Amino acid sequence: MRIGIVCPYSFDVPGGVQNHVMDLAEALIGLGHEVSVLAPADEDSTLPSYVVPAGRSVPLPYNGSVARIAFGPVSTARVRRWITRGDFDVLHVHEPLALSLSMLAVLSARGPVVATFHTAMTRSRVLAAAQGALQIVLERITARIAVSALARKVQVEHLDGGAVEIPNGVAVAKFAGVEPLPGWPGECAPGAGGTLGFLGRFTEPRKGFPILRDAFVELARQRPGLRLLVAGPGDPDDLYDRFPTDVRDRVTFLGLVSEEEKARMLRSVHLYVAPNTGGESFGMILTEALAAGTTVVASDLDAFRRVLDGGRAGRLFPTGDALVLRDRLAELLDDPAQRAELTACGDQVVANFDWPVVARRVLEVYAAAIEATDGRVIDQEWVGSD
């Protein structure tokens, strides 16, 4: 099968959707299919061979974050040229309702079009107000995929349509087979030691880093040797200045990390903490931590609860409550048997998210879309307007 995949967000900046697209492409290639990915990226960027760069991107606020997208006449021309040259059996776009290459691809193509919706936007009034304009895009889509129950709920309640729920995948072998970073995670004994981990934009409010910081400061003053390992974008001085001087030297900032370094970072902590306060439809980092064999402690968001099987595969705490988080962390650091039990459950849960398993489910949607349209993907100019 010849598959064209469109990523709306720039490959020059790391992100969950970008990782999803690359991992899906590689899983499909591994299953014997031909895949081409179109994404915003500079022409001189170092990219996998299956990625076609669509040029520079611009920042745009979206779903409580800032996405880097490409949109406009030049992008439209590149999308249409890519579709024409690709001769795809199916076109798979991600986040088609964002002003991006994905929306341009949907509007430019005819034939079997599959769309994946990643976000669970709660601003229903905005969706309702734009529904007329969005309907044009939605009518061009043959089949919809939602990465979570929350994302699917948006489809049903606000976009007048259903979607097949297929979760984000995770390359389990990549995370399970790596070595920890040198010198980590260190000792963890009752009442002393232990390493906590956080990955993400510590300045982004919805990531909830201040909640983890407050819990860590309280616990570090009670627990000699406790350390915090942080990875992600941001200024090191800005991070360290957020901590009192008496515990600052127990915080280590790695900065931006590669995918391999991320896997090693997750293997380098006793507990991975996800203190997010909202805006999450799935929780990709949770599945990656589980794949790395690391015990997860996460805020009680519905998306996180679903990934962690209601708390069977990881410990949950009330969203925004730093004191309860502190107590959960202390309990798990002092109880290696409980950590081992959660990790074993996590191994079972994450097997369902392994990319070969997820990719086969996506292929079933492709097959249904192809059967429903009975044709290949072509540029709309060659068939005229509706």
Protein backbone atom coordinates (compact mmCIF):
# COMPACT_ATOMS: atom_id res chain seq x y z
CA MET A 1 0.00 0.00 0.00
CA ARG A 2 1.23 3.52 -0.84
CA ILE A 3 0.45 5.75 2.14
CA GLY A 4 0.74 9.53 2.38
CA ILE A 5 0.83 10.96 5.92
CA VAL A 6 0.60 14.67 6.74
CA CYS A 7 1.94 16.09 10.01
CA PRO A 8 0.65 19.59 10.85
CA TYR A 9 3.48 20.54 13.21
CA SER A 10 7.09 21.34 12.48
CA PHE A 11 9.67 18.58 12.61
CA ASP A 12 12.20 21.23 13.67
CA VAL A 13 10.59 21.22 17.14
CA PRO A 14 9.96 18.02 19.16
CA GLY A 15 6.39 17.16 20.07
CA GLY A 16 3.96 14.33 20.70
CA VAL A 17 2.16 14.49 17.34
CA GLN A 18 5.46 14.62 15.46
CA ASN A 19 6.71 11.55 17.33
CA HIS A 20 3.41 9.78 16.70
CA VAL A 21 3.67 10.41 12.95
CA MET A 22 7.28 9.21 12.71
CA ASP A 23 6.67 6.10 14.79
CA LEU A 24 3.54 5.22 12.81
CA ALA A 25 5.40 5.71 9.53
CA GLU A 26 8.24 3.45 10.66
CA ALA A 27 5.82 0.80 11.92
CA LEU A 28 3.97 0.81 8.59
CA ILE A 29 7.26 0.61 6.68
CA GLY A 30 8.23 -2.29 8.92
CA LEU A 31 5.01 -4.04 7.89
CA GLY A 32 5.98 -3.73 4.22
CA HIS A 33 4.17 -0.56 3.10
CA GLU A 34 5.49 2.49 1.21
CA VAL A 35 5.13 5.68 3.26
CA SER A 36 5.77 9.35 2.55
CA VAL A 37 5.36 11.98 5.28
CA LEU A 38 4.81 15.67 4.50
CA ALA A 39 5.64 18.04 7.37
CA PRO A 40 6.78 21.61 8.04
CA ALA A 41 10.58 21.65 8.23
CA ASP A 42 13.49 23.65 6.89
CA GLU A 43 14.93 22.31 3.66
CA ASP A 44 18.32 21.76 5.32
CA SER A 45 16.88 19.91 8.33
CA THR A 46 18.16 16.41 9.04
CA LEU A 47 15.10 14.23 8.48
CA PRO A 48 14.30 10.54 7.96
CA SER A 49 14.33 9.50 4.30
CA TYR A 50 10.55 9.13 4.22
CA VAL A 51 9.90 12.77 5.26
CA VAL A 52 9.32 15.48 2.64
CA PRO A 53 9.95 18.98 4.09
CA ALA A 54 7.26 21.56 3.31
CA GLY A 55 9.23 24.64 4.33
CA ARG A 56 9.43 26.90 7.35
CA SER A 57 6.73 27.09 9.98
CA VAL A 58 5.29 29.90 12.10
CA PRO A 59 4.17 29.76 15.77
CA LEU A 60 0.43 29.63 16.42
CA PRO A 61 -1.37 29.30 19.79
CA TYR A 62 -3.36 26.05 19.84
CA ASN A 63 -5.02 24.03 22.65
CA GLY A 64 -3.18 25.82 25.45
CA SER A 65 0.20 25.45 23.80
CA VAL A 66 2.12 26.93 20.87
CA ALA A 67 2.27 24.89 17.67
CA ARG A 68 4.57 25.59 14.72
CA ILE A 69 2.63 25.16 11.48
CA ALA A 70 2.80 25.99 7.77
CA PHE A 71 -0.15 27.54 5.95
CA GLY A 72 -0.70 29.72 2.88
CA PRO A 73 -0.34 29.73 -0.93
CA VAL A 74 3.21 28.37 -1.01
CA SER A 75 2.28 25.56 1.38
CA THR A 76 -0.82 24.80 -0.70
CA ALA A 77 1.26 24.42 -3.85
CA ARG A 78 3.67 22.07 -2.09
CA VAL A 79 0.84 19.97 -0.69
CA ARG A 80 -0.79 19.58 -4.11
CA ARG A 81 2.50 18.72 -5.79
CA TRP A 82 3.21 16.10 -3.11
CA ILE A 83 -0.25 14.54 -3.53
CA THR A 84 0.08 14.41 -7.32
CA ARG A 85 3.54 12.84 -7.24
CA GLY A 86 2.69 10.45 -4.43
CA ASP A 87 -0.02 8.45 -6.22
CA PHE A 88 -1.21 7.30 -2.79
CA ASP A 89 -3.71 4.56 -2.05
CA VAL A 90 -4.74 6.47 1.07
CA LEU A 91 -4.05 9.89 2.58
CA HIS A 92 -3.73 10.11 6.38
CA VAL A 93 -3.79 13.59 7.93
CA HIS A 94 -3.34 14.53 11.57
CA GLU A 95 -5.26 17.34 13.30
CA PRO A 96 -7.13 18.42 10.13
CA LEU A 97 -8.98 21.24 11.92
CA ALA A 98 -5.80 23.17 12.70
CA LEU A 99 -4.75 25.80 10.14
CA SER A 100 -1.95 23.67 8.78
CA LEU A 101 -0.71 21.37 6.04
CA SER A 102 -3.28 18.82 7.20
CA MET A 103 -6.22 21.11 6.46
CA LEU A 104 -4.67 22.07 3.12
CA ALA A 105 -4.22 18.41 2.22
CA VAL A 106 -7.85 17.58 3.01
CA LEU A 107 -9.06 20.50 0.89
CA SER A 108 -6.69 19.59 -1.95
CA ALA A 109 -7.35 15.86 -2.20
CA ARG A 110 -10.02 13.52 -3.47
CA GLY A 111 -10.17 9.86 -2.62
CA PRO A 112 -9.71 7.88 0.61
CA VAL A 113 -8.78 10.37 3.35
CA VAL A 114 -8.27 9.27 6.96
CA ALA A 115 -7.91 11.85 9.74
CA THR A 116 -6.53 11.39 13.24
CA PHE A 117 -7.67 13.75 15.99
CA HIS A 118 -5.23 14.08 18.89
CA THR A 119 -6.59 16.90 21.02
CA ALA A 120 -9.58 16.94 23.36
CA MET A 121 -10.50 20.61 23.12
CA THR A 122 -12.90 21.72 25.83
CA ARG A 123 -13.79 25.05 24.19
CA SER A 124 -17.02 23.72 22.73
CA ARG A 125 -18.37 27.22 22.01
CA VAL A 126 -15.43 27.88 19.72
CA LEU A 127 -16.02 24.61 17.91
CA ALA A 128 -19.72 25.35 17.63
CA ALA A 129 -19.09 28.84 16.24
CA ALA A 130 -16.71 27.51 13.58
CA GLN A 131 -18.72 24.43 12.75
CA GLY A 132 -19.97 25.80 9.42
CA ALA A 133 -16.47 26.45 8.13
CA LEU A 134 -15.12 23.21 9.56
CA GLN A 135 -17.90 21.21 7.95
CA ILE A 136 -16.29 21.69 4.55
CA VAL A 137 -13.15 20.01 5.87
CA LEU A 138 -15.01 17.27 7.71
CA GLU A 139 -17.06 16.33 4.64
CA ARG A 140 -13.87 15.53 2.74
CA ILE A 141 -12.75 13.00 5.37
CA THR A 142 -13.62 9.35 4.69
CA ALA A 143 -12.76 7.90 8.10
CA ARG A 144 -11.80 9.37 11.48
CA ILE A 145 -9.48 8.11 14.20
CA ALA A 146 -9.35 9.52 17.74
CA VAL A 147 -6.35 8.77 19.96
CA SER A 148 -8.44 8.77 23.13
CA ALA A 149 -11.97 8.58 24.44
CA LEU A 150 -11.84 12.33 25.11
CA ALA A 151 -10.80 13.12 21.55
CA ARG A 152 -13.55 10.82 20.30
CA LYS A 153 -16.07 12.58 22.55
CA VAL A 154 -15.30 15.86 20.78
CA GLN A 155 -16.12 14.18 17.47
CA VAL A 156 -19.47 12.94 18.69
CA GLU A 157 -20.62 15.98 20.66
CA HIS A 158 -19.25 18.90 18.66
CA LEU A 159 -18.32 17.74 15.17
CA ASP A 160 -21.37 15.64 14.27
CA GLY A 161 -19.50 12.43 13.67
CA GLY A 162 -17.94 9.39 15.25
CA ALA A 163 -14.40 8.08 15.18
CA VAL A 164 -12.58 4.83 15.74
CA GLU A 165 -10.57 5.04 18.96
CA ILE A 166 -6.98 3.93 18.35
CA PRO A 167 -4.45 5.04 20.98
CA ASN A 168 -1.03 6.52 20.47
CA GLY A 169 1.56 3.82 20.04
CA VAL A 170 4.91 3.44 21.72
CA ALA A 171 8.04 1.69 20.44
CA VAL A 172 8.34 -0.57 23.46
CA ALA A 173 11.63 -2.17 22.42
CA LYS A 174 13.33 1.24 22.05
CA PHE A 175 12.57 2.15 25.65
CA ALA A 176 13.00 -1.23 27.29
CA GLY A 177 16.43 -1.96 25.86
CA VAL A 178 18.42 1.17 26.76
CA GLU A 179 20.86 1.80 29.58
CA PRO A 180 20.34 4.52 32.22
CA LEU A 181 22.43 7.67 32.07
CA PRO A 182 25.80 7.34 33.86
CA GLY A 183 25.40 7.78 37.62
CA TRP A 184 21.62 7.43 37.58
CA PRO A 185 19.24 6.60 39.16
CA GLY A 186 21.40 6.06 42.24
CA GLU A 187 20.41 4.53 45.55
CA CYS A 188 16.89 4.44 46.91
CA ALA A 189 16.45 3.25 50.49
CA PRO A 190 13.69 3.76 53.07
CA GLY A 191 13.82 7.41 54.12
CA ALA A 192 16.69 8.39 51.84
CA GLY A 193 17.73 8.70 48.22
CA GLY A 194 15.65 8.16 45.13
CA THR A 195 15.29 10.00 41.82
CA LEU A 196 12.21 11.68 40.36
CA GLY A 197 11.84 12.55 36.68
CA PHE A 198 9.97 15.18 34.65
CA LEU A 199 10.00 15.70 30.89
CA GLY A 200 8.36 18.65 29.18
CA ARG A 201 8.16 22.44 29.02
CA PHE A 202 8.52 23.41 32.67
CA THR A 203 7.28 26.94 31.85
CA GLU A 204 4.01 25.75 30.31
CA PRO A 205 1.22 26.05 32.91
CA ARG A 206 -0.74 22.96 31.89
CA LYS A 207 2.32 20.75 32.36
CA GLY A 208 1.99 21.39 36.11
CA PHE A 209 5.69 21.69 36.95
CA PRO A 210 5.12 24.02 39.96
CA ILE A 211 3.11 21.22 41.58
CA LEU A 212 6.02 18.81 41.26
CA ARG A 213 8.47 21.50 42.39
CA ASP A 214 6.50 22.15 45.59
CA ALA A 215 6.21 18.43 46.33
CA PHE A 216 9.91 17.89 45.65
CA VAL A 217 11.02 20.78 47.88
CA GLU A 218 8.94 19.48 50.79
CA LEU A 219 10.14 15.92 50.32
CA ALA A 220 13.80 16.80 49.70
CA ARG A 221 13.98 18.56 53.06
CA GLN A 222 12.80 15.37 54.72
CA ARG A 223 14.68 12.89 52.54
CA PRO A 224 18.49 13.13 52.23
CA GLY A 225 19.80 12.35 48.77
CA LEU A 226 16.52 12.79 46.88
CA ARG A 227 17.18 14.08 43.34
CA LEU A 228 15.11 15.50 40.47
CA LEU A 229 16.03 14.96 36.82
CA VAL A 230 14.37 17.35 34.34
CA ALA A 231 14.46 17.26 30.53
CA GLY A 232 12.86 19.54 27.97
CA PRO A 233 13.13 23.03 26.49
CA GLY A 234 13.87 26.06 28.64
CA ASP A 235 16.59 28.17 30.22
CA PRO A 236 18.63 26.36 32.90
CA ASP A 237 18.92 29.44 35.12
CA ASP A 238 15.17 29.93 34.93
CA LEU A 239 14.66 26.36 36.12
CA TYR A 240 17.16 26.48 38.97
CA ASP A 241 15.88 29.86 40.18
CA ARG A 242 12.51 28.23 40.82
CA PHE A 243 14.01 26.19 43.67
CA PRO A 244 15.17 27.30 47.15
CA THR A 245 18.93 27.35 47.51
CA ASP A 246 18.97 24.53 50.08
CA VAL A 247 17.69 21.95 47.55
CA ARG A 248 18.79 23.52 44.26
CA ASP A 249 21.90 21.36 43.96
CA ARG A 250 19.71 18.25 43.88
CA VAL A 251 18.07 19.32 40.61
CA THR A 252 19.68 18.37 37.29
CA PHE A 253 18.51 19.86 34.00
CA LEU A 254 19.30 17.97 30.78
CA GLY A 255 17.68 20.46 28.40
CA LEU A 256 16.31 19.22 25.10
CA VAL A 257 16.99 15.54 24.56
CA SER A 258 16.91 13.23 21.55
CA GLU A 259 14.56 10.25 21.41
CA GLU A 260 17.38 7.95 22.52
CA GLU A 261 18.33 10.31 25.36
CA LYS A 262 14.68 10.51 26.40
CA ALA A 263 14.51 6.74 26.69
CA ARG A 264 17.71 6.71 28.77
CA MET A 265 16.38 9.54 30.93
CA LEU A 266 13.21 7.56 31.67
CA ARG A 267 15.34 4.56 32.63
CA SER A 268 17.35 6.80 34.98
CA VAL A 269 14.62 7.59 37.52
CA HIS A 270 12.80 5.59 40.17
CA LEU A 271 9.55 7.50 39.64
CA TYR A 272 8.37 9.41 36.60
CA VAL A 273 6.00 12.23 37.61
CA ALA A 274 3.32 13.71 35.32
CA PRO A 275 1.72 16.59 37.29
CA ASN A 276 -0.24 17.96 34.30
CA THR A 277 -3.29 20.07 35.06
CA GLY A 278 -5.27 19.63 31.81
CA GLY A 279 -5.24 19.79 28.03
CA GLU A 280 -4.17 16.15 27.67
CA SER A 281 -6.17 13.77 25.50
CA PHE A 282 -3.90 10.75 25.91
CA GLY A 283 -0.59 10.91 27.76
CA MET A 284 2.11 9.64 25.44
CA ILE A 285 4.90 10.20 27.93
CA LEU A 286 3.16 7.85 30.35
CA THR A 287 3.27 4.96 27.89
CA GLU A 288 6.93 5.73 27.20
CA ALA A 289 7.75 5.66 30.91
CA LEU A 290 5.87 2.37 31.27
CA ALA A 291 7.80 0.95 28.31
CA ALA A 292 11.03 1.98 30.03
CA GLY A 293 9.99 -0.03 33.08
CA THR A 294 9.66 3.05 35.28
CA THR A 295 6.97 3.52 37.92
CA VAL A 296 4.59 6.36 37.01
CA VAL A 297 2.90 8.86 39.33
CA ALA A 298 0.39 11.06 37.51
CA SER A 299 -2.34 13.59 38.14
CA ASP A 300 -5.84 12.18 38.08
CA LEU A 301 -6.76 13.45 34.61
CA ASP A 302 -9.22 11.27 32.75
CA ALA A 303 -6.72 10.66 29.95
CA PHE A 304 -4.02 9.57 32.40
CA ARG A 305 -6.46 7.41 34.34
CA ARG A 306 -7.31 5.54 31.15
CA VAL A 307 -3.69 4.96 30.18
CA LEU A 308 -2.85 3.72 33.68
CA ASP A 309 -5.87 1.41 33.75
CA GLY A 310 -7.57 3.30 36.56
CA GLY A 311 -4.42 3.32 38.69
CA ARG A 312 -3.50 -0.37 38.29
CA ALA A 313 -0.42 0.45 36.22
CA GLY A 314 0.61 3.65 38.00
CA ARG A 315 -0.22 5.74 41.04
CA LEU A 316 -2.65 8.68 40.63
CA PHE A 317 -3.02 11.80 42.78
CA PRO A 318 -5.63 14.61 42.83
CA THR A 319 -4.80 17.10 40.09
CA GLY A 320 -3.02 20.16 41.46
CA ASP A 321 -2.48 18.80 45.00
CA ALA A 322 1.25 19.05 45.77
CA LEU A 323 0.89 17.74 49.33
CA VAL A 324 -0.82 14.53 48.27
CA LEU A 325 1.75 14.15 45.51
CA ARG A 326 4.52 14.48 48.10
CA ASP A 327 2.96 11.72 50.18
CA ARG A 328 2.47 9.43 47.16
CA LEU A 329 6.11 9.89 46.19
CA ALA A 330 7.38 9.22 49.71
CA GLU A 331 5.29 6.06 49.97
CA LEU A 332 6.53 4.63 46.68
CA LEU A 333 10.17 5.54 47.26
CA ASP A 334 10.01 3.63 50.55
CA ASP A 335 8.28 0.59 49.05
CA PRO A 336 10.23 -1.20 46.28
CA ALA A 337 7.73 -4.08 46.29
CA GLN A 338 4.88 -1.71 45.44
CA ARG A 339 6.98 -0.14 42.67
CA ALA A 340 7.72 -3.59 41.26
CA GLU A 341 4.02 -4.51 41.30
CA LEU A 342 3.06 -1.32 39.45
CA THR A 343 5.85 -1.87 36.93
CA ALA A 344 4.68 -5.43 36.23
CA CYS A 345 1.15 -4.18 35.61
CA GLY A 346 2.59 -1.44 33.43
CA ASP A 347 4.36 -4.03 31.26
CA GLN A 348 1.02 -5.72 30.59
CA VAL A 349 -0.75 -2.45 29.82
CA VAL A 350 1.90 -1.01 27.52
CA ALA A 351 1.96 -4.15 25.35
CA ASN A 352 -1.39 -3.00 23.95
CA PHE A 353 0.24 0.27 22.86
CA ASP A 354 3.20 -1.31 21.04
CA TRP A 355 3.42 0.24 17.57
CA PRO A 356 3.09 -2.96 15.50
CA VAL A 357 -0.19 -3.65 17.33
CA VAL A 358 -1.44 -0.10 16.85
CA ALA A 359 -0.32 0.10 13.20
CA ARG A 360 -2.34 -2.98 12.26
CA ARG A 361 -5.45 -1.33 13.67
CA VAL A 362 -4.72 1.80 11.62
CA LEU A 363 -4.35 -0.36 8.50
CA GLU A 364 -7.86 -1.71 9.09
CA VAL A 365 -9.17 1.87 8.95
CA TYR A 366 -7.19 2.50 5.76
CA ALA A 367 -8.73 -0.58 4.16
CA ALA A 368 -12.24 0.54 5.11
CA ALA A 369 -11.61 4.04 3.70
CA ILE A 370 -10.29 2.64 0.42
CA GLU A 371 -13.29 0.33 0.10
CA ALA A 372 -15.69 3.21 0.81
CA THR A 373 -14.24 5.48 -1.90
CA ASP A 374 -13.13 2.91 -4.48
CA GLY A 375 -10.31 5.08 -5.81
CA ARG A 376 -6.81 6.43 -5.27
CA VAL A 377 -5.86 9.80 -3.80
CA ILE A 378 -5.71 12.52 -6.47
CA ASP A 379 -5.44 16.29 -6.49
CA GLN A 380 -8.88 17.89 -6.72
CA GLU A 381 -7.85 20.07 -9.69
CA TRP A 382 -7.90 16.99 -11.89
CA VAL A 383 -11.51 16.15 -11.06
CA GLY A 384 -12.96 19.65 -10.90
CA SER A 385 -15.06 21.15 -8.13
CA ASP A 386 -17.97 19.51 -6.40
